Amino acid sequence: METCHNRTGADTEALKAEILKLKKEKNAVILAHYYVDGELQDIADHVGDSLALAQKAASTASDADIIVMCGVNFMGDTVKVLCPDKKVLVPDNNAGCSLADSCPADEFEKFVKEHPGYTVISYVNTSVAVKALSDVLVTSGNARKIVESFPQDARLIFGPDRNLGSYINSVTGRDMLLWDGACHVHQRFSAEAIAKLKEEHPGAPVLVHPECPRPVVLMADKVGSTAVLLKYALESDAREFIVATESGILHQMRKGAPDKTFIPAPPLDSTCGCNDCAYMKLNTLRKLRDCLRDETPEVTVDPALAEAALRPINRMLELS
């Protein structure tokens, strides 16, 4: 895999210049998730979490001919569903998602049919086929708000992330039925490793994404989406923080508060100081340049499936 360590500074600047030239020539807009490498975040037109990027695709990308989604495949699919008339590109078609993969559509459909009368709430980190089976989608940033929009006694299914669902159950007093899926990155954080970091940095608030296991969530000073954790870190008076989410968010934290220290929580049984999503890291400047130049890989979604998936996406955007 290409990394920033096997390119010179001149190579990087040349790639950036070529990307900006191609973007202008092709009237393209570049979206990037917080979890991709910082150099991609810096060249993107919009950087954000899943909710923010969906909102940008639905609103501000309307004047573009091409939308490039630097993230993982389900994000590119979501953009295509929201913008069916646009050419949507991704830098690498192999950038999948372990959480989406943990919820095969045929198995989820069977689960839903086994529980008639339930409203289906699905995390946006799912395939288009799973979205099409859902009544409303959520992100980590709006899940609590959307769940609380339903009556307290509503019968709800939540999928696919069991950790996020468990957290939402705990803070809303609900008893949603949870699909047994998880994100391989957030699942690897351990309470033991964070406890050790807290001993070394006793004044550092612990920032935790709700996709983490419950023992990790219980250690948090702040639980929230990447956007929520970023806002908290920038506004807090604390000078150092322990961060338990994918390491890409550290770029925006350090960029926004260069005088503060952000300590990545390590994955379980690892001496590495960070926890990366290998899929997100498949996005590189060179691949971004290539996809703009060649206009491939292009995202395609079956129109009937896209129409079915658009309804719960729009409901999420309305409730957000």
Protein backbone atom coordinates (compact mmCIF):
# COMPACT_ATOMS: atom_id res chain seq x y z
CA MET A 1 0.00 0.00 0.00
CA GLU A 2 1.25 3.45 -0.86
CA THR A 3 1.98 5.64 2.16
CA CYS A 4 3.28 9.14 2.71
CA HIS A 5 6.60 7.55 3.69
CA ASN A 6 7.44 6.28 0.20
CA ARG A 7 6.90 9.59 -1.58
CA THR A 8 9.00 12.72 -1.50
CA GLY A 9 7.55 16.11 -0.64
CA ALA A 10 7.90 17.10 -4.29
CA ASP A 11 5.88 14.02 -5.35
CA THR A 12 3.14 14.92 -2.90
CA GLU A 13 2.93 18.52 -4.05
CA ALA A 14 2.88 17.44 -7.71
CA LEU A 15 0.01 15.05 -7.02
CA LYS A 16 -1.93 17.73 -5.17
CA ALA A 17 -1.45 20.19 -8.02
CA GLU A 18 -2.62 17.62 -10.55
CA ILE A 19 -5.67 16.76 -8.43
CA LEU A 20 -6.67 20.41 -8.12
CA LYS A 21 -6.21 20.90 -11.88
CA LEU A 22 -8.34 17.85 -12.71
CA LYS A 23 -10.97 18.86 -10.19
CA LYS A 24 -11.36 22.24 -11.83
CA GLU A 25 -11.34 20.86 -15.38
CA LYS A 26 -13.96 18.24 -14.61
CA ASN A 27 -16.11 20.35 -12.27
CA ALA A 28 -15.67 17.83 -9.49
CA VAL A 29 -16.18 18.06 -5.74
CA ILE A 30 -14.16 15.94 -3.31
CA LEU A 31 -15.66 14.62 -0.07
CA ALA A 32 -13.45 13.00 2.57
CA HIS A 33 -14.21 11.20 5.82
CA TYR A 34 -12.33 12.03 9.00
CA TYR A 35 -10.74 8.56 8.94
CA VAL A 36 -8.78 8.89 5.67
CA ASP A 37 -5.20 10.16 5.71
CA GLY A 38 -4.70 13.82 6.55
CA GLU A 39 -3.32 14.76 3.13
CA LEU A 40 -6.62 13.68 1.58
CA GLN A 41 -8.58 15.60 4.18
CA ASP A 42 -6.55 18.71 3.39
CA ILE A 43 -7.27 18.61 -0.33
CA ALA A 44 -10.98 17.78 -0.01
CA ASP A 45 -13.74 20.35 -0.47
CA HIS A 46 -15.69 18.94 2.49
CA VAL A 47 -14.45 16.81 5.40
CA GLY A 48 -16.77 15.25 7.93
CA ASP A 49 -18.44 12.26 9.48
CA SER A 50 -21.06 10.14 7.71
CA LEU A 51 -23.93 12.49 8.54
CA ALA A 52 -22.14 15.66 7.45
CA LEU A 53 -20.98 14.09 4.19
CA ALA A 54 -24.48 12.84 3.38
CA GLN A 55 -25.83 16.32 4.06
CA LYS A 56 -23.16 17.88 1.84
CA ALA A 57 -23.90 15.44 -0.96
CA ALA A 58 -27.60 16.21 -0.71
CA SER A 59 -27.14 19.98 -0.71
CA THR A 60 -23.88 21.59 -1.75
CA ALA A 61 -22.73 19.12 -4.41
CA SER A 62 -25.63 19.95 -6.74
CA ASP A 63 -23.52 22.15 -9.03
CA ALA A 64 -20.80 19.53 -9.57
CA ASP A 65 -20.67 17.09 -12.47
CA ILE A 66 -18.52 14.60 -10.55
CA ILE A 67 -18.48 13.74 -6.84
CA VAL A 68 -15.50 11.83 -5.44
CA MET A 69 -16.04 10.12 -2.10
CA CYS A 70 -12.82 9.41 -0.19
CA GLY A 71 -13.98 6.93 2.41
CA VAL A 72 -15.42 3.44 2.15
CA ASN A 73 -17.82 1.90 -0.32
CA PHE A 74 -21.08 2.37 1.55
CA MET A 75 -20.37 6.11 1.64
CA GLY A 76 -19.97 6.21 -2.13
CA ASP A 77 -23.20 4.23 -2.47
CA THR A 78 -25.03 6.69 -0.21
CA VAL A 79 -23.82 9.62 -2.31
CA LYS A 80 -25.02 7.88 -5.49
CA VAL A 81 -28.44 7.21 -3.96
CA LEU A 82 -28.72 10.88 -2.98
CA CYS A 83 -27.30 12.15 -6.29
CA PRO A 84 -28.41 9.65 -8.97
CA ASP A 85 -27.74 12.09 -11.82
CA LYS A 86 -24.13 12.71 -10.83
CA LYS A 87 -21.07 10.66 -11.71
CA VAL A 88 -19.85 9.35 -8.35
CA LEU A 89 -16.29 8.05 -8.06
CA VAL A 90 -14.26 6.37 -5.33
CA PRO A 91 -10.45 6.14 -5.26
CA ASP A 92 -10.46 2.39 -4.49
CA ASN A 93 -13.29 -0.08 -5.02
CA ASN A 94 -11.75 -2.41 -2.44
CA ALA A 95 -12.40 0.02 0.41
CA GLY A 96 -15.09 -2.01 2.13
CA CYS A 97 -16.42 -1.87 5.69
CA SER A 98 -16.27 -4.64 8.27
CA LEU A 99 -19.42 -3.33 9.96
CA ALA A 100 -21.41 -3.34 6.73
CA ASP A 101 -20.05 -6.81 5.97
CA SER A 102 -21.28 -8.05 9.36
CA CYS A 103 -24.88 -7.53 8.21
CA PRO A 104 -25.63 -9.50 5.01
CA ALA A 105 -28.90 -8.27 3.50
CA ASP A 106 -30.48 -11.73 3.16
CA GLU A 107 -29.81 -12.59 6.80
CA PHE A 108 -30.99 -9.19 8.00
CA GLU A 109 -34.18 -9.51 5.94
CA LYS A 110 -34.89 -12.86 7.60
CA PHE A 111 -34.31 -11.29 11.03
CA VAL A 112 -36.72 -8.45 10.23
CA LYS A 113 -39.41 -10.85 8.98
CA GLU A 114 -39.09 -12.85 12.20
CA HIS A 115 -40.13 -9.72 14.13
CA PRO A 116 -43.24 -8.31 12.44
CA GLY A 117 -44.52 -4.99 13.73
CA TYR A 118 -41.05 -3.65 14.53
CA THR A 119 -39.66 -0.40 13.12
CA VAL A 120 -36.26 -1.00 11.55
CA ILE A 121 -33.53 1.52 12.40
CA SER A 122 -30.27 0.90 10.58
CA TYR A 123 -26.89 2.53 10.97
CA VAL A 124 -25.74 4.27 7.81
CA ASN A 125 -22.73 1.92 7.79
CA THR A 126 -24.64 -0.68 5.78
CA SER A 127 -25.12 -1.84 2.22
CA VAL A 128 -27.76 -0.25 -0.01
CA ALA A 129 -29.73 -3.51 0.23
CA VAL A 130 -29.88 -3.26 4.04
CA LYS A 131 -30.81 0.41 3.82
CA ALA A 132 -33.70 -0.60 1.53
CA LEU A 133 -34.99 -2.92 4.28
CA SER A 134 -35.00 -0.09 6.84
CA ASP A 135 -37.55 2.49 7.95
CA VAL A 136 -34.98 5.10 8.94
CA LEU A 137 -31.20 5.37 9.02
CA VAL A 138 -29.00 6.87 11.72
CA THR A 139 -25.40 7.88 12.21
CA SER A 140 -23.50 7.87 15.49
CA GLY A 141 -24.13 11.61 15.62
CA ASN A 142 -27.93 11.50 15.38
CA ALA A 143 -28.84 7.99 16.59
CA ARG A 144 -30.04 9.07 20.03
CA LYS A 145 -32.15 11.92 18.64
CA ILE A 146 -33.80 9.69 16.04
CA VAL A 147 -34.46 6.81 18.46
CA GLU A 148 -36.01 9.26 20.93
CA SER A 149 -38.33 10.53 18.18
CA PHE A 150 -40.23 7.23 18.54
CA PRO A 151 -42.61 6.56 21.45
CA GLN A 152 -40.99 5.03 24.53
CA ASP A 153 -42.88 1.78 24.03
CA ALA A 154 -42.15 1.51 20.29
CA ARG A 155 -40.86 -1.87 19.15
CA LEU A 156 -37.56 -1.18 17.44
CA ILE A 157 -34.89 -3.19 15.65
CA PHE A 158 -31.42 -1.63 15.54
CA GLY A 159 -28.67 -2.86 13.25
CA PRO A 160 -25.97 -3.63 12.58
CA ASP A 161 -23.71 -2.27 15.34
CA ARG A 162 -24.41 -3.97 18.66
CA ASN A 163 -22.12 -1.58 20.56
CA LEU A 164 -23.80 1.58 19.28
CA GLY A 165 -27.22 -0.01 19.80
CA SER A 166 -26.35 -1.01 23.35
CA TYR A 167 -25.12 2.51 24.09
CA ILE A 168 -28.30 4.07 22.70
CA ASN A 169 -30.40 1.62 24.74
CA SER A 170 -28.50 2.66 27.88
CA VAL A 171 -28.96 6.41 27.41
CA THR A 172 -32.59 6.29 26.20
CA GLY A 173 -33.99 3.54 28.43
CA ARG A 174 -35.03 1.57 25.35
CA ASP A 175 -34.87 -2.15 24.76
CA MET A 176 -34.23 -2.27 21.03
CA LEU A 177 -33.54 -5.63 19.42
CA LEU A 178 -29.91 -5.50 18.31
CA TRP A 179 -28.30 -7.10 15.29
CA ASP A 180 -24.99 -8.72 16.29
CA GLY A 181 -22.53 -6.73 14.18
CA ALA A 182 -19.47 -4.64 15.00
CA CYS A 183 -16.72 -2.47 13.51
CA HIS A 184 -13.39 -4.30 13.58
CA VAL A 185 -11.54 -1.09 14.45
CA HIS A 186 -13.64 0.07 17.40
CA GLN A 187 -14.11 -3.48 18.66
CA ARG A 188 -10.33 -3.73 19.19
CA PHE A 189 -10.13 -0.98 21.82
CA SER A 190 -9.69 -2.31 25.34
CA ALA A 191 -10.51 -0.89 28.74
CA GLU A 192 -7.22 -2.27 30.07
CA ALA A 193 -5.11 -0.31 27.58
CA ILE A 194 -7.06 2.88 28.26
CA ALA A 195 -6.73 2.39 32.03
CA LYS A 196 -2.95 2.22 31.58
CA LEU A 197 -3.00 5.44 29.56
CA LYS A 198 -5.11 7.12 32.25
CA GLU A 199 -2.46 6.23 34.84
CA GLU A 200 0.19 7.84 32.63
CA HIS A 201 -1.98 10.88 31.82
CA PRO A 202 -4.27 11.33 34.85
CA GLY A 203 -5.70 14.67 33.73
CA ALA A 204 -6.52 13.66 30.16
CA PRO A 205 -10.23 13.30 29.29
CA VAL A 206 -11.06 10.05 27.50
CA LEU A 207 -12.94 10.55 24.21
CA VAL A 208 -14.77 7.45 22.99
CA HIS A 209 -16.78 6.60 19.88
CA PRO A 210 -20.02 4.72 20.72
CA GLU A 211 -19.06 1.87 18.38
CA CYS A 212 -16.58 0.81 21.09
CA PRO A 213 -17.37 -2.05 23.50
CA ARG A 214 -19.32 -1.08 26.63
CA PRO A 215 -16.36 -1.39 29.08
CA VAL A 216 -14.53 1.23 26.98
CA VAL A 217 -17.60 3.47 26.74
CA LEU A 218 -17.97 3.37 30.54
CA MET A 219 -14.46 4.84 30.89
CA ALA A 220 -15.27 7.84 28.71
CA ASP A 221 -15.45 11.46 29.73
CA LYS A 222 -17.15 12.13 26.39
CA VAL A 223 -18.96 9.67 24.11
CA GLY A 224 -19.86 10.78 20.62
CA SER A 225 -19.43 10.69 16.88
CA THR A 226 -16.17 11.85 15.33
CA ALA A 227 -17.67 15.32 14.83
CA VAL A 228 -18.81 15.47 18.47
CA LEU A 229 -15.42 14.31 19.77
CA LEU A 230 -13.63 16.84 17.58
CA LYS A 231 -15.82 19.70 18.82
CA TYR A 232 -15.31 18.67 22.44
CA ALA A 233 -11.53 18.45 22.03
CA LEU A 234 -11.28 21.87 20.41
CA GLU A 235 -13.51 23.60 22.97
CA SER A 236 -12.27 21.90 26.15
CA ASP A 237 -9.83 23.61 28.51
CA ALA A 238 -7.92 20.33 28.89
CA ARG A 239 -4.43 20.21 27.37
CA GLU A 240 -4.24 16.51 26.51
CA PHE A 241 -6.76 13.86 25.53
CA ILE A 242 -6.95 10.09 25.13
CA VAL A 243 -8.81 9.32 21.90
CA ALA A 244 -10.55 5.99 21.29
CA THR A 245 -11.65 6.07 17.68
CA GLU A 246 -9.98 5.57 14.30
CA SER A 247 -6.72 7.50 14.21
CA GLY A 248 -7.61 9.64 11.17
CA ILE A 249 -9.57 12.06 13.39
CA LEU A 250 -6.31 13.03 15.12
CA HIS A 251 -5.36 15.04 12.03
CA GLN A 252 -8.27 17.45 12.47
CA MET A 253 -7.77 17.58 16.24
CA ARG A 254 -4.08 18.48 15.90
CA LYS A 255 -4.83 20.89 13.08
CA GLY A 256 -7.53 22.65 15.09
CA ALA A 257 -5.60 22.71 18.38
CA PRO A 258 -1.87 22.45 17.68
CA ASP A 259 -1.08 23.44 21.28
CA LYS A 260 -2.89 20.39 22.68
CA THR A 261 -1.75 16.76 22.88
CA PHE A 262 -3.92 13.96 21.47
CA ILE A 263 -3.00 10.43 22.53
CA PRO A 264 -4.42 7.60 20.39
CA ALA A 265 -5.74 4.65 22.38
CA PRO A 266 -4.00 1.50 21.13
CA PRO A 267 -5.82 -1.59 19.88
CA LEU A 268 -6.03 -4.66 22.10
CA ASP A 269 -2.83 -6.71 22.46
CA SER A 270 -0.77 -4.26 20.44
CA THR A 271 2.15 -2.00 21.18
CA CYS A 272 1.16 0.19 18.23
CA GLY A 273 0.08 3.66 19.29
CA CYS A 274 -2.88 3.89 16.94
CA ASN A 275 -5.87 1.95 15.65
CA ASP A 276 -6.29 2.31 11.89
CA CYS A 277 -9.01 1.20 9.50
CA ALA A 278 -7.16 -0.59 6.71
CA TYR A 279 -10.08 0.08 4.36
CA MET A 280 -10.02 3.84 4.92
CA LYS A 281 -6.26 3.84 4.41
CA LEU A 282 -6.71 2.37 0.91
CA ASN A 283 -7.54 5.92 -0.15
CA THR A 284 -4.38 7.72 -1.31
CA LEU A 285 -3.50 10.88 -3.22
CA ARG A 286 -2.32 8.85 -6.20
CA LYS A 287 -5.55 6.87 -6.35
CA LEU A 288 -7.53 10.09 -6.03
CA ARG A 289 -5.57 11.56 -8.95
CA ASP A 290 -6.10 8.41 -11.01
CA CYS A 291 -9.84 8.22 -10.39
CA LEU A 292 -10.30 11.87 -11.37
CA ARG A 293 -8.15 11.44 -14.46
CA ASP A 294 -9.75 8.18 -15.63
CA GLU A 295 -13.21 8.74 -14.09
CA THR A 296 -13.15 5.28 -12.59
CA PRO A 297 -13.98 3.38 -10.38
CA GLU A 298 -17.51 4.70 -10.82
CA VAL A 299 -20.23 3.90 -8.28
CA THR A 300 -23.37 2.32 -9.70
CA VAL A 301 -26.50 1.37 -7.76
CA ASP A 302 -29.51 -0.52 -9.07
CA PRO A 303 -32.20 2.15 -9.59
CA ALA A 304 -34.98 0.16 -7.88
CA LEU A 305 -32.76 -0.55 -4.88
CA ALA A 306 -31.64 3.07 -4.78
CA GLU A 307 -35.25 4.26 -4.75
CA ALA A 308 -36.04 1.96 -1.81
CA ALA A 309 -32.92 3.10 0.08
CA LEU A 310 -33.58 6.79 -0.54
CA ARG A 311 -36.69 6.83 1.66
CA PRO A 312 -34.93 5.94 4.95
CA ILE A 313 -31.96 8.18 4.05
CA ASN A 314 -34.27 11.14 3.48
CA ARG A 315 -36.12 10.40 6.71
CA MET A 316 -32.80 10.51 8.56
CA LEU A 317 -31.89 13.84 6.99
CA GLU A 318 -35.31 15.26 7.86
CA LEU A 319 -35.07 14.11 11.49
CA SER A 320 -31.51 15.47 11.74
